[in-house]
Amino acid sequence: MNRKILVTGATGSNGTEIVKRLSAQNTQVRAMVRNPDRAKEIALPNVELVEGNFDRPETLLEALTEVDRAFLLTNSTEHAEAQQLAFVDAARQSSVKHIVKLSQFAADAHSPVRFLRYHAAVEAAIQASGMTYTFLRPNLFMQGLLGFRSTITSQNAFYAAIGDAKVSVVDVRDIADVAVAALTEAGHEGKIYDLTGSQALTHTEMAEYLSAALKRQIAFVDIPPEQMREAMVGLGMPAWQADGLIEDYAHYRRNEAAAIVSGIEDATGKAPRQFRDFARDYATVFS
């Protein structure tokens, strides 16, 4: 019997990159999605789409049938901790051997940032489960700037409550490379990889890289946290999530996310992508 790899969050930015890489390597992968009809981008060779819902544990058990290794990722909502703990329980019942969890840089049970607290709680549950694990703790995603796409395209500017703090932003494609290594190779068991880029940049410096790639002037404008929260809620973001992002940005503003570490190179043997690579490769998205 061929045991499979399961990827959750398979239609998100991280999950899509992971599934594409596994498919290209001729690795049999099962992609858990809420709606298979909306998963056309990952309907690829070697990919089995399976319907699963974190809020319905019986669908998790079905998705985990004959699964050996699993990649765990959910959206950061107020339900994320309970959803991920339910998945860990289902994986243990299903005799999954190894979980690769997408966590977050500086995950800590005592953090003032709610996202960092829930990630730490799930990490602890996985460590207590008896399954082997690899924890990926990426810093702020470069692709997070896609969330500012509307004002970058319409106003040539983007806004956030971060001041001139530096953040060692990381490319989602590098996170996917580490995840695939941890899912398909031996030697990553029990490892916790902090994942950062090779530069710590201010948002103003990111704007300069974007300006060069887009061949037009892009400005970064620092705003108060209240204004940032109001804008996010105004765009339809749930209040819990908006408050969590404000806590995240306060953490960045305190320069707590400026460290540059070697996790990507340690896991893959390759240097991380630079921000200029991201700006060039995604230029058309901001045009």
Protein backbone atom coordinates (compact mmCIF):
# COMPACT_ATOMS: atom_id res chain seq x y z
CA MET A 1 0.00 0.00 0.00
CA ASN A 2 1.40 3.37 -1.03
CA ARG A 3 1.08 5.84 1.82
CA LYS A 4 0.35 9.41 0.75
CA ILE A 5 1.30 12.99 1.60
CA LEU A 6 -1.65 15.24 2.54
CA VAL A 7 -1.46 19.00 2.06
CA THR A 8 -4.06 21.13 3.87
CA GLY A 9 -4.68 24.76 2.95
CA ALA A 10 -3.93 23.52 -0.56
CA THR A 11 -5.48 26.45 -2.46
CA GLY A 12 -3.75 29.17 -0.40
CA SER A 13 -0.49 30.85 -1.41
CA ASN A 14 1.70 28.38 0.51
CA GLY A 15 -0.34 25.26 -0.22
CA THR A 16 -0.53 25.91 -3.96
CA GLU A 17 3.26 26.28 -4.22
CA ILE A 18 3.80 23.07 -2.20
CA VAL A 19 1.33 21.02 -4.27
CA LYS A 20 2.85 22.28 -7.53
CA ARG A 21 6.34 21.26 -6.40
CA LEU A 22 5.25 17.81 -5.23
CA SER A 23 3.38 17.24 -8.50
CA ALA A 24 6.42 18.27 -10.54
CA GLN A 25 8.56 15.79 -8.54
CA ASN A 26 6.14 12.95 -9.43
CA THR A 27 5.24 12.60 -5.75
CA GLN A 28 1.70 11.33 -5.06
CA VAL A 29 -0.03 14.08 -3.10
CA ARG A 30 -3.55 14.47 -1.72
CA ALA A 31 -4.72 18.09 -1.59
CA MET A 32 -7.42 18.86 0.98
CA VAL A 33 -9.80 21.56 -0.23
CA ARG A 34 -13.23 22.80 0.85
CA ASN A 35 -14.52 22.89 -2.73
CA PRO A 36 -12.81 20.79 -5.43
CA ASP A 37 -14.57 22.85 -8.15
CA ARG A 38 -12.55 25.89 -7.04
CA ALA A 39 -9.22 24.08 -7.01
CA LYS A 40 -8.49 24.14 -10.74
CA GLU A 41 -5.00 25.62 -10.25
CA ILE A 42 -3.89 22.47 -8.40
CA ALA A 43 -5.73 19.90 -10.56
CA LEU A 44 -2.34 18.57 -11.69
CA PRO A 45 -0.68 15.22 -12.44
CA ASN A 46 -0.09 13.11 -9.27
CA VAL A 47 -2.58 15.27 -7.31
CA GLU A 48 -5.72 13.78 -5.77
CA LEU A 49 -8.22 16.41 -4.65
CA VAL A 50 -10.14 15.48 -1.51
CA GLU A 51 -12.91 17.49 0.13
CA GLY A 52 -12.23 18.32 3.77
CA ASN A 53 -13.41 20.83 6.32
CA PHE A 54 -11.57 21.64 9.54
CA ASP A 55 -14.90 22.28 11.27
CA ARG A 56 -16.13 18.75 10.45
CA PRO A 57 -13.69 16.27 12.07
CA GLU A 58 -15.21 13.28 10.24
CA THR A 59 -14.01 14.77 6.92
CA LEU A 60 -10.49 15.04 8.38
CA LEU A 61 -10.41 11.32 9.16
CA GLU A 62 -11.49 10.59 5.60
CA ALA A 63 -8.86 12.91 4.12
CA LEU A 64 -6.18 11.31 6.32
CA THR A 65 -6.89 7.71 5.25
CA GLU A 66 -3.62 6.04 4.16
CA VAL A 67 -1.68 9.26 4.80
CA ASP A 68 1.86 8.96 6.10
CA ARG A 69 2.93 12.62 6.22
CA ALA A 70 0.82 15.76 6.41
CA PHE A 71 1.33 19.49 5.94
CA LEU A 72 -0.81 21.49 8.39
CA LEU A 73 -2.04 24.99 7.60
CA THR A 74 -5.29 26.86 8.26
CA ASN A 75 -6.32 30.48 7.91
CA SER A 76 -5.52 32.57 11.00
CA THR A 77 -9.04 33.00 12.37
CA GLU A 78 -10.40 32.78 15.92
CA HIS A 79 -11.09 29.09 15.15
CA ALA A 80 -7.55 28.26 13.99
CA GLU A 81 -6.27 26.79 17.26
CA ALA A 82 -9.29 24.49 17.72
CA GLN A 83 -9.24 23.48 14.05
CA GLN A 84 -5.54 22.60 14.10
CA LEU A 85 -5.84 20.72 17.41
CA ALA A 86 -8.70 18.68 15.88
CA PHE A 87 -6.47 17.90 12.90
CA VAL A 88 -3.61 16.78 15.17
CA ASP A 89 -6.03 14.47 16.98
CA ALA A 90 -7.36 13.05 13.69
CA ALA A 91 -3.81 12.57 12.36
CA ARG A 92 -2.83 10.66 15.51
CA GLN A 93 -5.93 8.43 15.18
CA SER A 94 -5.09 7.83 11.51
CA SER A 95 -1.52 6.66 12.26
CA VAL A 96 0.11 9.62 10.50
CA LYS A 97 3.83 9.43 11.19
CA HIS A 98 5.02 12.98 10.51
CA ILE A 99 3.42 16.45 10.56
CA VAL A 100 5.00 19.49 8.93
CA LYS A 101 3.31 22.51 10.50
CA LEU A 102 3.40 26.02 9.12
CA SER A 103 3.85 28.08 12.28
CA GLN A 104 5.17 31.65 12.62
CA PHE A 105 8.44 33.39 13.49
CA ALA A 106 8.64 33.99 17.28
CA ALA A 107 5.76 31.60 18.13
CA ASP A 108 5.46 31.69 21.94
CA ALA A 109 2.72 30.74 24.40
CA HIS A 110 3.31 34.02 26.30
CA SER A 111 3.42 36.38 23.29
CA PRO A 112 1.17 39.46 23.22
CA VAL A 113 0.37 38.46 19.61
CA ARG A 114 -2.62 36.08 19.40
CA PHE A 115 -1.31 34.38 16.23
CA LEU A 116 1.98 33.55 17.94
CA ARG A 117 0.14 32.13 20.97
CA TYR A 118 -2.10 29.78 18.96
CA HIS A 119 0.82 28.52 16.88
CA ALA A 120 2.73 27.73 20.09
CA ALA A 121 -0.27 25.84 21.50
CA VAL A 122 -0.55 23.67 18.38
CA GLU A 123 3.21 23.04 18.29
CA ALA A 124 3.01 21.82 21.91
CA ALA A 125 0.12 19.45 21.05
CA ILE A 126 2.06 17.99 18.12
CA GLN A 127 5.14 17.48 20.31
CA ALA A 128 2.97 15.69 22.89
CA SER A 129 1.25 13.49 20.26
CA GLY A 130 4.07 11.04 19.66
CA MET A 131 4.22 11.84 15.92
CA THR A 132 7.45 13.20 14.50
CA TYR A 133 7.29 16.79 13.30
CA THR A 134 8.96 19.66 11.52
CA PHE A 135 7.90 23.20 12.43
CA LEU A 136 8.35 25.96 9.85
CA ARG A 137 8.38 29.42 11.44
CA PRO A 138 8.42 31.98 8.62
CA ASN A 139 8.64 35.71 9.11
CA LEU A 140 6.33 38.16 7.30
CA PHE A 141 5.67 36.92 3.74
CA MET A 142 6.90 39.07 0.83
CA GLN A 143 3.64 37.98 -0.82
CA GLY A 144 1.83 39.74 2.04
CA LEU A 145 2.35 42.87 -0.05
CA LEU A 146 -0.21 41.48 -2.49
CA GLY A 147 -2.74 42.53 0.17
CA PHE A 148 -1.77 46.15 -0.62
CA ARG A 149 -2.21 45.62 -4.38
CA SER A 150 -5.30 47.85 -4.74
CA THR A 151 -3.64 51.01 -3.36
CA ILE A 152 -0.31 50.25 -5.09
CA THR A 153 -2.10 50.04 -8.46
CA SER A 154 -4.52 52.94 -7.89
CA GLN A 155 -2.43 55.35 -5.75
CA ASN A 156 1.19 54.17 -6.23
CA ALA A 157 1.34 53.88 -2.43
CA PHE A 158 0.76 51.44 0.42
CA TYR A 159 0.03 52.08 4.08
CA ALA A 160 0.84 50.24 7.32
CA ALA A 161 1.49 50.87 11.02
CA ILE A 162 5.17 49.90 11.16
CA GLY A 163 7.29 53.05 11.10
CA ASP A 164 10.88 52.43 9.99
CA ALA A 165 11.22 49.00 11.63
CA LYS A 166 13.11 46.37 9.67
CA VAL A 167 11.63 42.94 8.95
CA SER A 168 13.51 39.99 7.44
CA VAL A 169 10.67 39.21 5.01
CA VAL A 170 10.59 35.78 3.36
CA ASP A 171 9.34 34.57 -0.02
CA VAL A 172 6.49 32.03 0.07
CA ARG A 173 8.31 30.06 -2.66
CA ASP A 174 11.21 29.48 -0.26
CA ILE A 175 8.80 28.34 2.46
CA ALA A 176 7.35 25.85 -0.05
CA ASP A 177 10.83 24.53 -0.86
CA VAL A 178 11.46 23.87 2.85
CA ALA A 179 8.05 22.23 3.29
CA VAL A 180 8.65 19.89 0.35
CA ALA A 181 12.07 18.93 1.71
CA ALA A 182 10.54 18.17 5.13
CA LEU A 183 7.70 16.15 3.56
CA THR A 184 9.85 14.07 1.20
CA GLU A 185 13.33 13.71 2.75
CA ALA A 186 14.68 12.14 5.91
CA GLY A 187 16.61 14.24 8.42
CA HIS A 188 14.07 16.97 9.15
CA GLU A 189 12.39 15.17 12.07
CA GLY A 190 12.25 17.21 15.28
CA LYS A 191 13.59 20.30 13.51
CA ILE A 192 12.24 23.81 14.03
CA TYR A 193 13.22 26.03 11.12
CA ASP A 194 13.03 29.80 11.52
CA LEU A 195 12.58 31.08 7.96
CA THR A 196 13.68 34.57 6.93
CA GLY A 197 15.03 36.29 3.87
CA SER A 198 18.66 37.36 3.67
CA GLN A 199 17.82 41.06 4.18
CA ALA A 200 15.99 42.95 6.90
CA LEU A 201 14.09 45.74 5.14
CA THR A 202 11.94 48.69 6.12
CA HIS A 203 8.67 49.13 4.23
CA THR A 204 10.22 52.25 2.66
CA GLU A 205 13.06 50.10 1.30
CA MET A 206 10.49 47.60 -0.04
CA ALA A 207 8.77 50.53 -1.80
CA GLU A 208 12.10 51.43 -3.44
CA TYR A 209 12.53 47.87 -4.77
CA LEU A 210 8.95 47.91 -6.06
CA SER A 211 9.57 51.28 -7.73
CA ALA A 212 12.59 49.87 -9.57
CA ALA A 213 10.71 46.73 -10.70
CA LEU A 214 7.53 48.58 -11.73
CA LYS A 215 9.42 51.51 -13.31
CA ARG A 216 7.23 54.02 -11.46
CA GLN A 217 7.49 55.66 -8.04
CA ILE A 218 5.82 53.68 -5.23
CA ALA A 219 5.61 55.30 -1.78
CA PHE A 220 5.22 53.75 1.64
CA VAL A 221 3.16 55.79 4.12
CA ASP A 222 3.28 55.05 7.85
CA ILE A 223 -0.13 55.32 9.53
CA PRO A 224 -1.42 54.93 13.13
CA PRO A 225 -2.55 51.41 14.14
CA GLU A 226 -6.19 52.61 14.57
CA GLN A 227 -6.26 53.81 10.96
CA MET A 228 -4.80 50.53 9.69
CA ARG A 229 -7.36 48.51 11.65
CA GLU A 230 -10.22 50.68 10.36
CA ALA A 231 -9.06 50.17 6.76
CA MET A 232 -8.83 46.38 7.15
CA VAL A 233 -12.26 46.07 8.76
CA GLY A 234 -13.62 48.41 6.07
CA LEU A 235 -12.36 45.93 3.44
CA GLY A 236 -14.33 43.15 5.13
CA MET A 237 -11.68 41.59 7.38
CA PRO A 238 -13.19 40.06 10.56
CA ALA A 239 -12.44 42.10 13.70
CA TRP A 240 -10.54 39.23 15.42
CA GLN A 241 -8.21 38.90 12.45
CA ALA A 242 -7.73 42.67 12.10
CA ASP A 243 -6.84 42.93 15.80
CA GLY A 244 -4.38 40.06 15.37
CA LEU A 245 -2.68 41.81 12.45
CA ILE A 246 -2.39 45.01 14.46
CA GLU A 247 -0.67 42.96 17.21
CA ASP A 248 1.59 41.44 14.53
CA TYR A 249 2.54 44.90 13.23
CA ALA A 250 3.21 46.14 16.79
CA HIS A 251 5.61 43.18 17.12
CA TYR A 252 7.33 44.25 13.85
CA ARG A 253 7.38 47.88 14.98
CA ARG A 254 9.31 46.85 18.11
CA ASN A 255 12.01 45.46 15.76
CA GLU A 256 11.32 41.93 17.04
CA ALA A 257 11.28 40.48 13.51
CA ALA A 258 14.53 41.86 12.09
CA ALA A 259 16.80 38.86 12.74
CA ILE A 260 18.28 37.10 9.71
CA VAL A 261 18.64 33.34 10.19
CA SER A 262 19.79 30.42 8.07
CA GLY A 263 16.71 28.14 8.22
CA ILE A 264 16.08 28.07 4.46
CA GLU A 265 19.68 27.24 3.63
CA ASP A 266 19.86 24.68 6.49
CA ALA A 267 16.79 22.84 5.15
CA THR A 268 17.33 23.13 1.39
CA GLY A 269 21.01 23.96 0.82
CA LYS A 270 19.90 27.03 -1.18
CA ALA A 271 20.11 30.72 -0.32
CA PRO A 272 16.73 32.48 0.09
CA ARG A 273 15.29 34.63 -2.67
CA GLN A 274 15.92 38.38 -2.40
CA PHE A 275 13.16 40.98 -2.22
CA ARG A 276 14.24 42.28 -5.64
CA ASP A 277 13.43 38.80 -7.06
CA PHE A 278 9.94 39.00 -5.58
CA ALA A 279 9.41 42.55 -6.90
CA ARG A 280 10.53 41.53 -10.41
CA ASP A 281 8.59 38.24 -10.51
CA TYR A 282 5.33 39.82 -9.28
CA ALA A 283 5.64 43.13 -11.18
CA THR A 284 2.69 42.35 -13.48
CA VAL A 285 0.42 41.82 -10.44
CA PHE A 286 1.02 45.42 -9.37
CA SER A 287 0.64 46.90 -12.87
